[in-house]
Amino acid sequence: MTNEQNTNLNQSESFNRQKNKEEMQKQLISFALMIIFTLIAFAIVATGTLPSMYVVPIIFIMAIVQAGFQFYYFMHLKDKGHAMPATLIYGGVWAAFLTLAGLMVITWW
């Protein structure tokens, strides 16, 4: 192996390490935010200071945000080459939303 090839390999390894380090930091931050959201939701329910009229929507919003974090970071939907799985998952989420909305309208009506 020549010195130039060895230098290119070292640069490639250094780049990959830096990229993996940044990815791990993003995942740890996302994980910490999800834990914080879970603790906030638990505290809201455990203290009982808010009326249930406010508690349920807050918990639903935090659950949706957590699901978004999990799709985006932990299922790697942000990475290149994951367009088809992302389309299928987001399509499934949309279909579930429409189904629930339709059931709510039918029940309420």
N, C-alpha and C. Protein backbone atom coordinates (compact mmCIF):
# COMPACT_ATOMS: atom_id res chain seq x y z
N MET A 1 0.85 -1.17 0.00
CA MET A 1 0.00 0.00 0.00
C MET A 1 0.90 1.24 0.00
N THR A 2 0.56 2.16 -0.81
CA THR A 2 1.36 3.37 -0.88
C THR A 2 0.97 4.32 0.24
N ASN A 3 1.79 5.29 0.42
CA ASN A 3 1.56 6.29 1.46
C ASN A 3 0.30 7.10 1.16
N GLU A 4 0.04 7.38 -0.12
CA GLU A 4 -1.15 8.15 -0.51
C GLU A 4 -2.43 7.37 -0.22
N GLN A 5 -2.43 6.07 -0.51
CA GLN A 5 -3.60 5.24 -0.23
C GLN A 5 -3.86 5.14 1.27
N ASN A 6 -2.78 5.03 2.03
CA ASN A 6 -2.89 4.97 3.49
C ASN A 6 -3.48 6.26 4.04
N THR A 7 -3.07 7.40 3.48
CA THR A 7 -3.59 8.69 3.91
C THR A 7 -5.08 8.80 3.58
N ASN A 8 -5.47 8.32 2.39
CA ASN A 8 -6.89 8.36 2.01
C ASN A 8 -7.73 7.49 2.93
N LEU A 9 -7.22 6.32 3.31
CA LEU A 9 -7.95 5.45 4.23
C LEU A 9 -8.11 6.10 5.60
N ASN A 10 -7.06 6.74 6.08
CA ASN A 10 -7.13 7.41 7.37
C ASN A 10 -8.14 8.56 7.35
N GLN A 11 -8.16 9.30 6.25
CA GLN A 11 -9.13 10.39 6.13
C GLN A 11 -10.55 9.84 6.06
N SER A 12 -10.73 8.75 5.34
CA SER A 12 -12.04 8.13 5.24
C SER A 12 -12.51 7.62 6.60
N GLU A 13 -11.61 6.97 7.34
CA GLU A 13 -11.95 6.49 8.68
C GLU A 13 -12.28 7.64 9.61
N SER A 14 -11.52 8.70 9.53
CA SER A 14 -11.76 9.87 10.37
C SER A 14 -13.12 10.49 10.06
N PHE A 15 -13.45 10.58 8.77
CA PHE A 15 -14.74 11.13 8.36
C PHE A 15 -15.87 10.25 8.88
N ASN A 16 -15.74 8.93 8.73
CA ASN A 16 -16.78 8.01 9.19
C ASN A 16 -16.95 8.07 10.70
N ARG A 17 -15.86 8.17 11.43
CA ARG A 17 -15.95 8.28 12.89
C ARG A 17 -16.67 9.55 13.30
N GLN A 18 -16.34 10.67 12.65
CA GLN A 18 -16.99 11.94 12.97
C GLN A 18 -18.47 11.87 12.65
N LYS A 19 -18.82 11.27 11.51
CA LYS A 19 -20.22 11.14 11.12
C LYS A 19 -20.98 10.26 12.10
N ASN A 20 -20.39 9.15 12.51
CA ASN A 20 -21.03 8.26 13.49
C ASN A 20 -21.17 8.93 14.85
N LYS A 21 -20.18 9.73 15.23
CA LYS A 21 -20.26 10.45 16.50
C LYS A 21 -21.41 11.45 16.49
N GLU A 22 -21.55 12.19 15.39
CA GLU A 22 -22.64 13.16 15.29
C GLU A 22 -23.99 12.46 15.30
N GLU A 23 -24.10 11.32 14.61
CA GLU A 23 -25.35 10.57 14.59
C GLU A 23 -25.70 10.08 16.00
N MET A 24 -24.72 9.59 16.72
CA MET A 24 -24.97 9.10 18.08
C MET A 24 -25.41 10.25 18.99
N GLN A 25 -24.82 11.42 18.83
CA GLN A 25 -25.22 12.57 19.64
C GLN A 25 -26.68 12.94 19.36
N LYS A 26 -27.07 12.93 18.09
CA LYS A 26 -28.46 13.24 17.75
C LYS A 26 -29.42 12.22 18.34
N GLN A 27 -29.04 10.94 18.29
CA GLN A 27 -29.91 9.92 18.85
C GLN A 27 -30.01 10.03 20.37
N LEU A 28 -28.91 10.34 21.02
CA LEU A 28 -28.96 10.51 22.48
C LEU A 28 -29.80 11.71 22.88
N ILE A 29 -29.70 12.80 22.14
CA ILE A 29 -30.52 13.97 22.43
C ILE A 29 -32.00 13.64 22.22
N SER A 30 -32.30 12.93 21.14
CA SER A 30 -33.69 12.53 20.87
C SER A 30 -34.20 11.61 21.97
N PHE A 31 -33.38 10.67 22.40
CA PHE A 31 -33.77 9.76 23.47
C PHE A 31 -34.03 10.52 24.77
N ALA A 32 -33.15 11.48 25.09
CA ALA A 32 -33.33 12.28 26.30
C ALA A 32 -34.62 13.09 26.23
N LEU A 33 -34.92 13.66 25.07
CA LEU A 33 -36.17 14.41 24.92
C LEU A 33 -37.39 13.52 25.10
N MET A 34 -37.32 12.29 24.59
CA MET A 34 -38.45 11.38 24.76
C MET A 34 -38.64 10.99 26.23
N ILE A 35 -37.55 10.80 26.94
CA ILE A 35 -37.64 10.51 28.37
C ILE A 35 -38.25 11.70 29.11
N ILE A 36 -37.82 12.90 28.76
CA ILE A 36 -38.35 14.11 29.40
C ILE A 36 -39.85 14.24 29.12
N PHE A 37 -40.26 14.01 27.86
CA PHE A 37 -41.70 14.07 27.54
C PHE A 37 -42.48 13.04 28.35
N THR A 38 -41.93 11.85 28.50
CA THR A 38 -42.60 10.80 29.28
C THR A 38 -42.72 11.22 30.75
N LEU A 39 -41.66 11.79 31.31
CA LEU A 39 -41.72 12.24 32.70
C LEU A 39 -42.71 13.39 32.88
N ILE A 40 -42.76 14.29 31.91
CA ILE A 40 -43.72 15.39 31.99
C ILE A 40 -45.15 14.85 31.95
N ALA A 41 -45.40 13.91 31.04
CA ALA A 41 -46.74 13.32 30.95
C ALA A 41 -47.10 12.61 32.24
N PHE A 42 -46.16 11.87 32.80
CA PHE A 42 -46.41 11.17 34.06
C PHE A 42 -46.70 12.17 35.18
N ALA A 43 -45.92 13.26 35.24
CA ALA A 43 -46.12 14.26 36.28
C ALA A 43 -47.47 14.95 36.14
N ILE A 44 -47.89 15.23 34.92
CA ILE A 44 -49.18 15.88 34.71
C ILE A 44 -50.32 14.99 35.21
N VAL A 45 -50.23 13.70 34.90
CA VAL A 45 -51.29 12.78 35.33
C VAL A 45 -51.21 12.53 36.83
N ALA A 46 -50.00 12.36 37.36
CA ALA A 46 -49.84 12.00 38.77
C ALA A 46 -50.25 13.14 39.70
N THR A 47 -49.96 14.37 39.31
CA THR A 47 -50.31 15.48 40.19
C THR A 47 -51.79 15.80 40.15
N GLY A 48 -52.42 15.61 39.01
CA GLY A 48 -53.84 15.88 38.90
C GLY A 48 -54.20 17.35 39.03
N THR A 49 -53.26 18.23 38.77
CA THR A 49 -53.52 19.66 38.91
C THR A 49 -54.32 20.23 37.74
N LEU A 50 -54.20 19.61 36.57
CA LEU A 50 -54.93 20.09 35.41
C LEU A 50 -56.21 19.28 35.22
N PRO A 51 -57.26 19.90 34.74
CA PRO A 51 -58.48 19.14 34.44
C PRO A 51 -58.23 18.19 33.26
N SER A 52 -58.98 17.10 33.22
CA SER A 52 -58.77 16.10 32.17
C SER A 52 -59.03 16.67 30.77
N MET A 53 -59.77 17.75 30.71
CA MET A 53 -60.02 18.39 29.43
C MET A 53 -58.70 18.87 28.79
N TYR A 54 -57.71 19.23 29.62
CA TYR A 54 -56.42 19.68 29.13
C TYR A 54 -55.39 18.56 29.11
N VAL A 55 -55.52 17.61 30.02
CA VAL A 55 -54.51 16.56 30.15
C VAL A 55 -54.49 15.66 28.92
N VAL A 56 -55.63 15.23 28.46
CA VAL A 56 -55.70 14.29 27.34
C VAL A 56 -55.09 14.89 26.07
N PRO A 57 -55.43 16.10 25.66
CA PRO A 57 -54.79 16.65 24.45
C PRO A 57 -53.28 16.83 24.62
N ILE A 58 -52.83 17.24 25.80
CA ILE A 58 -51.39 17.41 26.02
C ILE A 58 -50.68 16.08 25.87
N ILE A 59 -51.23 15.03 26.43
CA ILE A 59 -50.60 13.71 26.33
C ILE A 59 -50.61 13.22 24.89
N PHE A 60 -51.71 13.45 24.16
CA PHE A 60 -51.75 13.06 22.76
C PHE A 60 -50.70 13.80 21.94
N ILE A 61 -50.54 15.08 22.18
CA ILE A 61 -49.55 15.86 21.43
C ILE A 61 -48.14 15.36 21.74
N MET A 62 -47.85 15.10 23.01
CA MET A 62 -46.52 14.60 23.35
C MET A 62 -46.29 13.20 22.77
N ALA A 63 -47.33 12.37 22.70
CA ALA A 63 -47.20 11.04 22.10
C ALA A 63 -46.90 11.15 20.60
N ILE A 64 -47.55 12.09 19.94
CA ILE A 64 -47.30 12.27 18.51
C ILE A 64 -45.87 12.76 18.27
N VAL A 65 -45.40 13.68 19.10
CA VAL A 65 -44.03 14.16 18.98
C VAL A 65 -43.04 13.02 19.22
N GLN A 66 -43.30 12.18 20.21
CA GLN A 66 -42.41 11.05 20.48
C GLN A 66 -42.41 10.06 19.32
N ALA A 67 -43.56 9.80 18.74
CA ALA A 67 -43.62 8.90 17.58
C ALA A 67 -42.83 9.48 16.41
N GLY A 68 -42.93 10.79 16.23
CA GLY A 68 -42.15 11.44 15.18
C GLY A 68 -40.65 11.28 15.40
N PHE A 69 -40.20 11.50 16.64
CA PHE A 69 -38.78 11.29 16.96
C PHE A 69 -38.37 9.86 16.66
N GLN A 70 -39.19 8.90 17.04
CA GLN A 70 -38.84 7.51 16.83
C GLN A 70 -38.78 7.17 15.35
N PHE A 71 -39.74 7.64 14.57
CA PHE A 71 -39.68 7.40 13.13
C PHE A 71 -38.45 8.05 12.52
N TYR A 72 -38.23 9.30 12.86
CA TYR A 72 -37.19 10.07 12.19
C TYR A 72 -35.79 9.62 12.58
N TYR A 73 -35.53 9.44 13.87
CA TYR A 73 -34.18 9.11 14.30
C TYR A 73 -33.94 7.61 14.47
N PHE A 74 -34.80 6.90 15.16
CA PHE A 74 -34.51 5.52 15.49
C PHE A 74 -34.85 4.55 14.37
N MET A 75 -35.76 4.93 13.47
CA MET A 75 -36.05 4.09 12.32
C MET A 75 -35.32 4.60 11.08
N HIS A 76 -34.48 5.61 11.25
CA HIS A 76 -33.58 6.13 10.21
C HIS A 76 -34.33 6.59 8.96
N LEU A 77 -35.50 7.16 9.13
CA LEU A 77 -36.24 7.64 7.97
C LEU A 77 -35.63 8.91 7.38
N LYS A 78 -34.71 9.52 8.09
CA LYS A 78 -34.06 10.72 7.58
C LYS A 78 -32.90 10.38 6.64
N ASP A 79 -32.45 9.13 6.65
CA ASP A 79 -31.30 8.73 5.85
C ASP A 79 -31.66 8.59 4.38
N LYS A 80 -30.66 8.76 3.53
CA LYS A 80 -30.86 8.60 2.10
C LYS A 80 -31.14 7.13 1.80
N GLY A 81 -31.96 6.89 0.79
CA GLY A 81 -32.27 5.53 0.40
C GLY A 81 -33.44 4.92 1.16
N HIS A 82 -34.07 5.69 2.01
CA HIS A 82 -35.22 5.19 2.77
C HIS A 82 -36.51 5.88 2.34
N ALA A 83 -36.57 6.28 1.10
CA ALA A 83 -37.75 7.01 0.62
C ALA A 83 -38.99 6.11 0.58
N MET A 84 -38.84 4.89 0.08
CA MET A 84 -40.00 4.00 -0.02
C MET A 84 -40.51 3.58 1.36
N PRO A 85 -39.65 3.13 2.29
CA PRO A 85 -40.17 2.82 3.63
C PRO A 85 -40.80 4.03 4.31
N ALA A 86 -40.20 5.21 4.12
CA ALA A 86 -40.77 6.42 4.72
C ALA A 86 -42.14 6.71 4.13
N THR A 87 -42.27 6.55 2.82
CA THR A 87 -43.56 6.79 2.18
C THR A 87 -44.61 5.83 2.70
N LEU A 88 -44.25 4.55 2.84
CA LEU A 88 -45.20 3.56 3.33
C LEU A 88 -45.59 3.82 4.78
N ILE A 89 -44.62 4.16 5.62
CA ILE A 89 -44.93 4.41 7.03
C ILE A 89 -45.79 5.66 7.18
N TYR A 90 -45.41 6.74 6.50
CA TYR A 90 -46.21 7.96 6.61
C TYR A 90 -47.59 7.77 5.99
N GLY A 91 -47.68 6.97 4.94
CA GLY A 91 -48.99 6.65 4.36
C GLY A 91 -49.85 5.86 5.34
N GLY A 92 -49.22 4.94 6.08
CA GLY A 92 -49.95 4.18 7.09
C GLY A 92 -50.42 5.06 8.23
N VAL A 93 -49.58 5.99 8.63
CA VAL A 93 -49.97 6.93 9.69
C VAL A 93 -51.14 7.79 9.20
N TRP A 94 -51.09 8.23 7.95
CA TRP A 94 -52.17 9.04 7.39
C TRP A 94 -53.47 8.23 7.33
N ALA A 95 -53.37 6.96 6.89
CA ALA A 95 -54.56 6.11 6.81
C ALA A 95 -55.15 5.88 8.21
N ALA A 96 -54.27 5.68 9.21
CA ALA A 96 -54.75 5.49 10.59
C ALA A 96 -55.44 6.75 11.09
N PHE A 97 -54.87 7.90 10.78
CA PHE A 97 -55.48 9.17 11.19
C PHE A 97 -56.86 9.35 10.55
N LEU A 98 -56.95 9.07 9.26
CA LEU A 98 -58.24 9.21 8.58
C LEU A 98 -59.27 8.23 9.13
N THR A 99 -58.83 7.01 9.43
CA THR A 99 -59.74 6.01 10.00
C THR A 99 -60.26 6.46 11.35
N LEU A 100 -59.35 6.92 12.22
CA LEU A 100 -59.78 7.39 13.54
C LEU A 100 -60.68 8.62 13.43
N ALA A 101 -60.35 9.52 12.52
CA ALA A 101 -61.19 10.70 12.34
C ALA A 101 -62.58 10.30 11.86
N GLY A 102 -62.65 9.36 10.94
CA GLY A 102 -63.93 8.89 10.45
C GLY A 102 -64.75 8.20 11.54
N LEU A 103 -64.09 7.40 12.34
CA LEU A 103 -64.79 6.73 13.44
C LEU A 103 -65.28 7.73 14.47
N MET A 104 -64.49 8.77 14.72
CA MET A 104 -64.93 9.79 15.68
C MET A 104 -66.14 10.55 15.15
N VAL A 105 -66.13 10.86 13.86
CA VAL A 105 -67.28 11.56 13.28
C VAL A 105 -68.53 10.69 13.33
N ILE A 106 -68.39 9.41 12.99
CA ILE A 106 -69.53 8.51 13.01
C ILE A 106 -70.07 8.37 14.44
N THR A 107 -69.17 8.23 15.40
CA THR A 107 -69.59 8.08 16.80
C THR A 107 -70.25 9.35 17.31
N TRP A 108 -69.70 10.49 16.96
CA TRP A 108 -70.21 11.76 17.47
C TRP A 108 -71.53 12.12 16.81
N TRP A 109 -71.70 11.76 15.56
CA TRP A 109 -72.85 12.13 14.79
C TRP A 109 -74.00 11.41 15.29
